[in-house]
Amino acid sequence: MPPSLALPITIAIIVLFILANAIRIMKEYERGVIFRLGRLVGTKGPGLILLIPLVDKMVKVSLRVITMDVPPQDIITRDNVTVKVNAVIYFRVMDANKAIVAVEDYLFATSQISQTTLRSVCGQVELDDLLSNRDEINHKLQTIIDDQTEPWGIKVSQVEVKNVDLPTEMTRAIARQAEAERERRSKVIHAEGEFQAAEKLVKASNMMEKSPMSLQLRFLGTLAEIATEKNSTIIFPVPIDILKPFMEAASKKAE
């Protein structure tokens, strides 16, 4: 290489190096936390950002909602049942400066505080409440975690308990309990039906007692229903009230 070209090429390389370290482009959902000689300058972005080479240092932070899976935790409920519970947490960075300066790793810190809070809250409730009152538990988890992460510039928008893994013995016990509950409801419904039928029969008997002819009409209606069937022989009782006029006429004739 000719000596006359060495200096311009060296200068061009230095200029390119400076520009590469001085120019940053932030996306719409990104922010850059700027440190100048170790001191916090502020947050810049989105768009084009110019830095002072070798003086400014930038840490990129995403402002999008982060979905974090909380690993299954071994929990002993208030009624001494051991279960495994996992959850999912939705949060986002609201203050990029605090997220970088106030805590070393806000993702790891949020994960750890979510795990400890999940064990604490679920350990204070009974198993039935853990299975049925999910909304109340989710709201309590969201409130506690959000209060603890607020100094870090983190906003927890939602926490959802995903799965509750029960021991095999407890699963069988719950199945037997559910079966017993269904059987109880079936017996109650059957008893209520018998009671209502008995009430109707009592009302019908009272009406027939006041009107004896209604009993005979009912008897004739029963005969009509039996006659529709293909039976060779039909045996049925005859009320004595029907034969009474014939018996009286026979006795008078005999006298």
C-alpha atoms as a PDB file:
ATOM      1  CA  MET A   1       0.000   0.000   0.000  1.00  0.00           C
ATOM      2  CA  PRO A   2       1.436   3.426  -0.877  1.00  0.00           C
ATOM      3  CA  PRO A   3       2.304   5.560   2.168  1.00  0.00           C
ATOM      4  CA  SER A   4       0.124   8.341   0.776  1.00  0.00           C
ATOM      5  CA  LEU A   5      -3.019   6.169   1.148  1.00  0.00           C
ATOM      6  CA  ALA A   6      -2.277   4.738   4.573  1.00  0.00           C
ATOM      7  CA  LEU A   7      -3.211   7.867   6.493  1.00  0.00           C
ATOM      8  CA  PRO A   8      -6.591   8.480   4.740  1.00  0.00           C
ATOM      9  CA  ILE A   9      -7.576   4.838   5.159  1.00  0.00           C
ATOM     10  CA  THR A  10      -6.672   4.944   8.854  1.00  0.00           C
ATOM     11  CA  ILE A  11      -8.680   8.121   9.331  1.00  0.00           C
ATOM     12  CA  ALA A  12     -11.664   6.587   7.492  1.00  0.00           C
ATOM     13  CA  ILE A  13     -11.554   3.511   9.718  1.00  0.00           C
ATOM     14  CA  ILE A  14     -11.466   5.674  12.842  1.00  0.00           C
ATOM     15  CA  VAL A  15     -14.412   7.752  11.589  1.00  0.00           C
ATOM     16  CA  LEU A  16     -16.430   4.632  10.828  1.00  0.00           C
ATOM     17  CA  PHE A  17     -15.649   3.265  14.264  1.00  0.00           C
ATOM     18  CA  ILE A  18     -16.780   6.486  15.916  1.00  0.00           C
ATOM     19  CA  LEU A  19     -20.011   6.591  13.904  1.00  0.00           C
ATOM     20  CA  ALA A  20     -20.742   2.944  14.656  1.00  0.00           C
ATOM     21  CA  ASN A  21     -20.459   3.645  18.367  1.00  0.00           C
ATOM     22  CA  ALA A  22     -22.205   7.003  18.235  1.00  0.00           C
ATOM     23  CA  ILE A  23     -25.340   6.159  16.284  1.00  0.00           C
ATOM     24  CA  ARG A  24     -28.131   4.002  17.712  1.00  0.00           C
ATOM     25  CA  ILE A  25     -31.629   3.402  16.363  1.00  0.00           C
ATOM     26  CA  MET A  26     -34.386   2.588  18.827  1.00  0.00           C
ATOM     27  CA  LYS A  27     -37.646   0.934  17.795  1.00  0.00           C
ATOM     28  CA  GLU A  28     -41.026   2.290  18.860  1.00  0.00           C
ATOM     29  CA  TYR A  29     -41.260  -0.040  21.855  1.00  0.00           C
ATOM     30  CA  GLU A  30     -37.622   0.423  22.937  1.00  0.00           C
ATOM     31  CA  ARG A  31     -35.894   2.981  25.134  1.00  0.00           C
ATOM     32  CA  GLY A  32     -32.202   3.596  25.735  1.00  0.00           C
ATOM     33  CA  VAL A  33     -30.959   4.394  29.246  1.00  0.00           C
ATOM     34  CA  ILE A  34     -27.856   6.557  28.809  1.00  0.00           C
ATOM     35  CA  PHE A  35     -24.907   6.582  31.242  1.00  0.00           C
ATOM     36  CA  ARG A  36     -22.226   9.224  30.740  1.00  0.00           C
ATOM     37  CA  LEU A  37     -19.012   8.417  32.536  1.00  0.00           C
ATOM     38  CA  GLY A  38     -20.997   6.187  34.871  1.00  0.00           C
ATOM     39  CA  ARG A  39     -23.650   8.765  35.736  1.00  0.00           C
ATOM     40  CA  LEU A  40     -27.277   8.435  34.625  1.00  0.00           C
ATOM     41  CA  VAL A  41     -28.123  10.984  31.982  1.00  0.00           C
ATOM     42  CA  GLY A  42     -31.661   9.924  31.136  1.00  0.00           C
ATOM     43  CA  THR A  43     -33.759   7.925  28.705  1.00  0.00           C
ATOM     44  CA  LYS A  44     -33.825   8.474  24.965  1.00  0.00           C
ATOM     45  CA  GLY A  45     -35.805   7.004  22.106  1.00  0.00           C
ATOM     46  CA  PRO A  46     -37.460   5.905  19.974  1.00  0.00           C
ATOM     47  CA  GLY A  47     -35.733   6.810  16.734  1.00  0.00           C
ATOM     48  CA  LEU A  48     -32.180   7.973  16.112  1.00  0.00           C
ATOM     49  CA  ILE A  49     -29.902   8.416  19.129  1.00  0.00           C
ATOM     50  CA  LEU A  50     -26.452  10.009  19.055  1.00  0.00           C
ATOM     51  CA  LEU A  51     -23.917   8.957  21.680  1.00  0.00           C
ATOM     52  CA  ILE A  52     -20.496  10.283  22.574  1.00  0.00           C
ATOM     53  CA  PRO A  53     -18.054   7.483  21.760  1.00  0.00           C
ATOM     54  CA  LEU A  54     -16.066   6.094  24.681  1.00  0.00           C
ATOM     55  CA  VAL A  55     -18.015   8.370  27.016  1.00  0.00           C
ATOM     56  CA  ASP A  56     -21.663   7.326  26.792  1.00  0.00           C
ATOM     57  CA  LYS A  57     -22.935   3.837  27.437  1.00  0.00           C
ATOM     58  CA  MET A  58     -26.480   2.795  26.566  1.00  0.00           C
ATOM     59  CA  VAL A  59     -28.657   0.004  28.008  1.00  0.00           C
ATOM     60  CA  LYS A  60     -31.614  -1.000  25.858  1.00  0.00           C
ATOM     61  CA  VAL A  61     -34.990  -1.637  27.566  1.00  0.00           C
ATOM     62  CA  SER A  62     -38.181  -3.005  26.003  1.00  0.00           C
ATOM     63  CA  LEU A  63     -41.512  -1.468  27.031  1.00  0.00           C
ATOM     64  CA  ARG A  64     -43.680  -4.276  25.672  1.00  0.00           C
ATOM     65  CA  VAL A  65     -45.744  -6.529  27.934  1.00  0.00           C
ATOM     66  CA  ILE A  66     -43.659  -9.470  29.107  1.00  0.00           C
ATOM     67  CA  THR A  67     -45.247 -12.869  29.706  1.00  0.00           C
ATOM     68  CA  MET A  68     -43.397 -14.847  32.358  1.00  0.00           C
ATOM     69  CA  ASP A  69     -44.157 -18.391  33.423  1.00  0.00           C
ATOM     70  CA  VAL A  70     -43.834 -18.993  37.165  1.00  0.00           C
ATOM     71  CA  PRO A  71     -42.434 -22.535  37.725  1.00  0.00           C
ATOM     72  CA  PRO A  72     -44.523 -25.043  39.739  1.00  0.00           C
ATOM     73  CA  GLN A  73     -44.205 -24.469  43.469  1.00  0.00           C
ATOM     74  CA  ASP A  74     -44.675 -27.061  46.238  1.00  0.00           C
ATOM     75  CA  ILE A  75     -47.324 -25.580  48.513  1.00  0.00           C
ATOM     76  CA  ILE A  76     -48.959 -26.814  51.719  1.00  0.00           C
ATOM     77  CA  THR A  77     -52.453 -25.348  51.911  1.00  0.00           C
ATOM     78  CA  ARG A  78     -54.153 -24.188  55.070  1.00  0.00           C
ATOM     79  CA  ASP A  79     -55.846 -27.589  55.507  1.00  0.00           C
ATOM     80  CA  ASN A  80     -52.463 -29.404  55.187  1.00  0.00           C
ATOM     81  CA  VAL A  81     -52.755 -30.642  51.604  1.00  0.00           C
ATOM     82  CA  THR A  82     -49.566 -30.690  49.513  1.00  0.00           C
ATOM     83  CA  VAL A  83     -50.106 -29.455  45.953  1.00  0.00           C
ATOM     84  CA  LYS A  84     -48.062 -28.098  43.053  1.00  0.00           C
ATOM     85  CA  VAL A  85     -49.193 -24.722  41.708  1.00  0.00           C
ATOM     86  CA  ASN A  86     -47.834 -22.761  38.769  1.00  0.00           C
ATOM     87  CA  ALA A  87     -48.904 -19.412  37.368  1.00  0.00           C
ATOM     88  CA  VAL A  88     -48.292 -16.894  34.600  1.00  0.00           C
ATOM     89  CA  ILE A  89     -47.575 -13.210  35.151  1.00  0.00           C
ATOM     90  CA  TYR A  90     -47.976 -10.291  32.728  1.00  0.00           C
ATOM     91  CA  PHE A  91     -45.963  -7.121  33.367  1.00  0.00           C
ATOM     92  CA  ARG A  92     -44.204  -4.297  31.586  1.00  0.00           C
ATOM     93  CA  VAL A  93     -41.535  -1.674  32.290  1.00  0.00           C
ATOM     94  CA  MET A  94     -43.069   1.710  33.041  1.00  0.00           C
ATOM     95  CA  ASP A  95     -39.890   3.547  34.105  1.00  0.00           C
ATOM     96  CA  ALA A  96     -36.792   2.409  32.220  1.00  0.00           C
ATOM     97  CA  ASN A  97     -34.446   4.354  34.520  1.00  0.00           C
ATOM     98  CA  LYS A  98     -35.672   2.578  37.647  1.00  0.00           C
ATOM     99  CA  ALA A  99     -35.686  -0.810  35.910  1.00  0.00           C
ATOM    100  CA  ILE A 100     -31.959  -0.476  35.212  1.00  0.00           C
ATOM    101  CA  VAL A 101     -30.739   1.521  38.231  1.00  0.00           C
ATOM    102  CA  ALA A 102     -32.960   0.298  41.087  1.00  0.00           C
ATOM    103  CA  VAL A 103     -32.461  -3.454  40.525  1.00  0.00           C
ATOM    104  CA  GLU A 104     -29.680  -5.504  38.975  1.00  0.00           C
ATOM    105  CA  ASP A 105     -31.903  -7.773  36.822  1.00  0.00           C
ATOM    106  CA  TYR A 106     -35.562  -6.826  36.850  1.00  0.00           C
ATOM    107  CA  LEU A 107     -36.625  -9.991  34.999  1.00  0.00           C
ATOM    108  CA  PHE A 108     -34.957 -12.310  37.524  1.00  0.00           C
ATOM    109  CA  ALA A 109     -36.149 -10.211  40.454  1.00  0.00           C
ATOM    110  CA  THR A 110     -39.747 -10.227  39.238  1.00  0.00           C
ATOM    111  CA  SER A 111     -39.618 -13.998  38.730  1.00  0.00           C
ATOM    112  CA  GLN A 112     -38.311 -14.595  42.259  1.00  0.00           C
ATOM    113  CA  ILE A 113     -40.824 -12.287  43.922  1.00  0.00           C
ATOM    114  CA  SER A 114     -43.621 -13.993  41.963  1.00  0.00           C
ATOM    115  CA  GLN A 115     -42.560 -17.443  43.189  1.00  0.00           C
ATOM    116  CA  THR A 116     -42.361 -16.432  46.844  1.00  0.00           C
ATOM    117  CA  THR A 117     -45.677 -14.566  46.689  1.00  0.00           C
ATOM    118  CA  LEU A 118     -47.375 -17.541  45.022  1.00  0.00           C
ATOM    119  CA  ARG A 119     -46.232 -19.866  47.834  1.00  0.00           C
ATOM    120  CA  SER A 120     -47.240 -17.377  50.516  1.00  0.00           C
ATOM    121  CA  VAL A 121     -50.728 -16.569  49.208  1.00  0.00           C
ATOM    122  CA  CYS A 122     -51.707 -20.136  48.242  1.00  0.00           C
ATOM    123  CA  GLY A 123     -50.450 -21.423  51.578  1.00  0.00           C
ATOM    124  CA  GLN A 124     -52.948 -19.211  53.405  1.00  0.00           C
ATOM    125  CA  VAL A 125     -56.066 -20.646  51.752  1.00  0.00           C
ATOM    126  CA  GLU A 126     -57.747 -24.036  51.885  1.00  0.00           C
ATOM    127  CA  LEU A 127     -57.798 -26.449  48.982  1.00  0.00           C
ATOM    128  CA  ASP A 128     -61.466 -25.816  48.142  1.00  0.00           C
ATOM    129  CA  ASP A 129     -60.831 -22.068  47.902  1.00  0.00           C
ATOM    130  CA  LEU A 130     -57.732 -22.666  45.784  1.00  0.00           C
ATOM    131  CA  LEU A 131     -59.794 -24.684  43.309  1.00  0.00           C
ATOM    132  CA  SER A 132     -62.934 -22.521  43.255  1.00  0.00           C
ATOM    133  CA  ASN A 133     -61.955 -18.921  44.126  1.00  0.00           C
ATOM    134  CA  ARG A 134     -59.340 -18.416  41.424  1.00  0.00           C
ATOM    135  CA  ASP A 135     -60.376 -14.829  40.662  1.00  0.00           C
ATOM    136  CA  GLU A 136     -59.914 -13.705  44.247  1.00  0.00           C
ATOM    137  CA  ILE A 137     -56.511 -15.393  44.535  1.00  0.00           C
ATOM    138  CA  ASN A 138     -55.366 -13.961  41.179  1.00  0.00           C
ATOM    139  CA  HIS A 139     -56.348 -10.455  42.256  1.00  0.00           C
ATOM    140  CA  LYS A 140     -54.523 -10.830  45.568  1.00  0.00           C
ATOM    141  CA  LEU A 141     -51.379 -12.086  43.818  1.00  0.00           C
ATOM    142  CA  GLN A 142     -51.474  -9.224  41.313  1.00  0.00           C
ATOM    143  CA  THR A 143     -51.862  -6.615  44.064  1.00  0.00           C
ATOM    144  CA  ILE A 144     -49.007  -7.940  46.208  1.00  0.00           C
ATOM    145  CA  ILE A 145     -46.529  -8.440  43.356  1.00  0.00           C
ATOM    146  CA  ASP A 146     -47.369  -5.050  41.832  1.00  0.00           C
ATOM    147  CA  ASP A 147     -46.749  -3.282  45.149  1.00  0.00           C
ATOM    148  CA  GLN A 148     -43.360  -4.971  45.536  1.00  0.00           C
ATOM    149  CA  THR A 149     -42.185  -4.294  41.961  1.00  0.00           C
ATOM    150  CA  GLU A 150     -43.385  -0.678  41.791  1.00  0.00           C
ATOM    151  CA  PRO A 151     -40.063   0.733  43.146  1.00  0.00           C
ATOM    152  CA  TRP A 152     -38.344  -0.985  40.190  1.00  0.00           C
ATOM    153  CA  GLY A 153     -40.545   0.784  37.633  1.00  0.00           C
ATOM    154  CA  ILE A 154     -42.449  -2.445  36.880  1.00  0.00           C
ATOM    155  CA  LYS A 155     -46.238  -2.589  36.447  1.00  0.00           C
ATOM    156  CA  VAL A 156     -47.845  -6.019  36.946  1.00  0.00           C
ATOM    157  CA  SER A 157     -51.094  -6.015  34.996  1.00  0.00           C
ATOM    158  CA  GLN A 158     -52.321  -9.579  35.550  1.00  0.00           C
ATOM    159  CA  VAL A 159     -51.466 -12.799  37.388  1.00  0.00           C
ATOM    160  CA  GLU A 160     -53.236 -16.077  36.603  1.00  0.00           C
ATOM    161  CA  VAL A 161     -52.966 -19.400  38.435  1.00  0.00           C
ATOM    162  CA  LYS A 162     -52.620 -21.972  35.646  1.00  0.00           C
ATOM    163  CA  ASN A 163     -52.620 -25.480  37.137  1.00  0.00           C
ATOM    164  CA  VAL A 164     -53.127 -27.046  40.531  1.00  0.00           C
ATOM    165  CA  ASP A 165     -51.661 -30.564  40.586  1.00  0.00           C
ATOM    166  CA  LEU A 166     -53.233 -32.702  43.325  1.00  0.00           C
ATOM    167  CA  PRO A 167     -51.896 -35.964  44.785  1.00  0.00           C
ATOM    168  CA  THR A 168     -53.514 -39.138  43.463  1.00  0.00           C
ATOM    169  CA  GLU A 169     -55.196 -39.891  46.799  1.00  0.00           C
ATOM    170  CA  MET A 170     -56.697 -36.418  46.955  1.00  0.00           C
ATOM    171  CA  THR A 171     -57.966 -36.704  43.371  1.00  0.00           C
ATOM    172  CA  ARG A 172     -59.763 -39.928  44.232  1.00  0.00           C
ATOM    173  CA  ALA A 173     -61.218 -38.396  47.393  1.00  0.00           C
ATOM    174  CA  ILE A 174     -62.561 -35.414  45.439  1.00  0.00           C
ATOM    175  CA  ALA A 175     -64.072 -37.777  42.851  1.00  0.00           C
ATOM    176  CA  ARG A 176     -65.825 -39.759  45.599  1.00  0.00           C
ATOM    177  CA  GLN A 177     -67.045 -36.534  47.166  1.00  0.00           C
ATOM    178  CA  ALA A 178     -68.457 -35.336  43.854  1.00  0.00           C
ATOM    179  CA  GLU A 179     -70.166 -38.694  43.281  1.00  0.00           C
ATOM    180  CA  ALA A 180     -71.702 -38.588  46.764  1.00  0.00           C
ATOM    181  CA  GLU A 181     -72.910 -35.035  46.142  1.00  0.00           C
ATOM    182  CA  ARG A 182     -74.574 -36.065  42.854  1.00  0.00           C
ATOM    183  CA  GLU A 183     -76.232 -39.033  44.574  1.00  0.00           C
ATOM    184  CA  ARG A 184     -77.490 -36.768  47.359  1.00  0.00           C
ATOM    185  CA  ARG A 185     -79.006 -34.363  44.846  1.00  0.00           C
ATOM    186  CA  SER A 186     -80.640 -37.252  42.993  1.00  0.00           C
ATOM    187  CA  LYS A 187     -82.259 -38.522  46.194  1.00  0.00           C
ATOM    188  CA  VAL A 188     -83.432 -35.052  47.142  1.00  0.00           C
ATOM    189  CA  ILE A 189     -84.992 -34.503  43.712  1.00  0.00           C
ATOM    190  CA  HIS A 190     -86.663 -37.924  43.858  1.00  0.00           C
ATOM    191  CA  ALA A 191     -88.035 -37.208  47.348  1.00  0.00           C
ATOM    192  CA  GLU A 192     -89.367 -33.830  46.218  1.00  0.00           C
ATOM    193  CA  GLY A 193     -91.098 -35.522  43.285  1.00  0.00           C
ATOM    194  CA  GLU A 194     -92.706 -38.099  45.586  1.00  0.00           C
ATOM    195  CA  PHE A 195     -93.853 -35.344  47.921  1.00  0.00           C
ATOM    196  CA  GLN A 196     -95.426 -33.334  45.110  1.00  0.00           C
ATOM    197  CA  ALA A 197     -97.138 -36.460  43.753  1.00  0.00           C
ATOM    198  CA  ALA A 198     -98.516 -37.241  47.211  1.00  0.00           C
ATOM    199  CA  GLU A 199     -99.893 -33.701  47.485  1.00  0.00           C
ATOM    200  CA  LYS A 200    -101.644 -34.083  44.122  1.00  0.00           C
ATOM    201  CA  LEU A 201    -103.108 -37.454  45.160  1.00  0.00           C
ATOM    202  CA  VAL A 202    -104.429 -35.975  48.392  1.00  0.00           C
ATOM    203  CA  LYS A 203    -106.125 -33.157  46.482  1.00  0.00           C
ATOM    204  CA  ALA A 204    -107.566 -35.637  43.987  1.00  0.00           C
ATOM    205  CA  SER A 205    -108.930 -37.897  46.730  1.00  0.00           C
ATOM    206  CA  ASN A 206    -110.565 -34.923  48.444  1.00  0.00           C
ATOM    207  CA  MET A 207    -112.281 -33.941  45.197  1.00  0.00           C
ATOM    208  CA  MET A 208    -113.472 -37.509  44.556  1.00  0.00           C
ATOM    209  CA  GLU A 209    -114.802 -37.698  48.110  1.00  0.00           C
ATOM    210  CA  LYS A 210    -116.971 -34.659  47.474  1.00  0.00           C
ATOM    211  CA  SER A 211    -118.153 -36.003  44.101  1.00  0.00           C
ATOM    212  CA  PRO A 212    -118.580 -39.832  44.024  1.00  0.00           C
ATOM    213  CA  MET A 213    -119.497 -39.746  40.323  1.00  0.00           C
ATOM    214  CA  SER A 214    -115.969 -38.548  39.525  1.00  0.00           C
ATOM    215  CA  LEU A 215    -114.663 -41.816  40.951  1.00  0.00           C
ATOM    216  CA  GLN A 216    -116.919 -43.797  38.633  1.00  0.00           C
ATOM    217  CA  LEU A 217    -115.807 -41.676  35.646  1.00  0.00           C
ATOM    218  CA  ARG A 218    -112.229 -42.352  36.557  1.00  0.00           C
ATOM    219  CA  PHE A 219    -113.030 -46.070  36.770  1.00  0.00           C
ATOM    220  CA  LEU A 220    -114.630 -46.035  33.331  1.00  0.00           C
ATOM    221  CA  GLY A 221    -111.685 -44.125  31.921  1.00  0.00           C
ATOM    222  CA  THR A 222    -109.344 -46.793  33.268  1.00  0.00           C
ATOM    223  CA  LEU A 223    -111.437 -49.483  31.566  1.00  0.00           C
ATOM    224  CA  ALA A 224    -111.184 -47.596  28.274  1.00  0.00           C
ATOM    225  CA  GLU A 225    -107.397 -47.484  28.589  1.00  0.00           C
ATOM    226  CA  ILE A 226    -107.214 -51.207  29.340  1.00  0.00           C
ATOM    227  CA  ALA A 227    -109.512 -52.029  26.416  1.00  0.00           C
ATOM    228  CA  THR A 228    -107.058 -50.565  23.931  1.00  0.00           C
ATOM    229  CA  GLU A 229    -104.511 -53.250  24.787  1.00  0.00           C
ATOM    230  CA  LYS A 230    -104.682 -56.670  23.114  1.00  0.00           C
ATOM    231  CA  ASN A 231    -105.510 -58.761  26.169  1.00  0.00           C
ATOM    232  CA  SER A 232    -107.643 -61.879  26.032  1.00  0.00           C
ATOM    233  CA  THR A 233    -108.979 -61.592  29.572  1.00  0.00           C
ATOM    234  CA  ILE A 234    -109.464 -58.531  31.741  1.00  0.00           C
ATOM    235  CA  ILE A 235    -110.260 -58.879  35.429  1.00  0.00           C
ATOM    236  CA  PHE A 236    -111.234 -55.741  37.281  1.00  0.00           C
ATOM    237  CA  PRO A 237    -113.144 -54.946  40.472  1.00  0.00           C
ATOM    238  CA  VAL A 238    -116.660 -53.545  40.223  1.00  0.00           C
ATOM    239  CA  PRO A 239    -117.597 -50.837  42.723  1.00  0.00           C
ATOM    240  CA  ILE A 240    -120.531 -51.833  44.885  1.00  0.00           C
ATOM    241  CA  ASP A 241    -122.179 -48.476  44.181  1.00  0.00           C
ATOM    242  CA  ILE A 242    -122.791 -49.531  40.567  1.00  0.00           C
ATOM    243  CA  LEU A 243    -124.527 -52.784  41.588  1.00  0.00           C
ATOM    244  CA  LYS A 244    -126.498 -51.271  44.474  1.00  0.00           C
ATOM    245  CA  PRO A 245    -129.532 -50.137  42.368  1.00  0.00           C
ATOM    246  CA  PHE A 246    -129.848 -53.629  40.834  1.00  0.00           C
ATOM    247  CA  MET A 247    -129.641 -55.281  44.251  1.00  0.00           C
ATOM    248  CA  GLU A 248    -132.338 -53.033  45.665  1.00  0.00           C
ATOM    249  CA  ALA A 249    -134.627 -53.760  42.705  1.00  0.00           C
ATOM    250  CA  ALA A 250    -134.068 -57.510  43.126  1.00  0.00           C
ATOM    251  CA  SER A 251    -134.857 -57.412  46.831  1.00  0.00           C
ATOM    252  CA  LYS A 252    -138.088 -55.474  46.272  1.00  0.00           C
ATOM    253  CA  LYS A 253    -139.157 -57.930  43.608  1.00  0.00           C
ATOM    254  CA  ALA A 254    -138.471 -60.804  45.945  1.00  0.00           C
ATOM    255  CA  GLU A 255    -140.616 -59.253  48.674  1.00  0.00           C
END
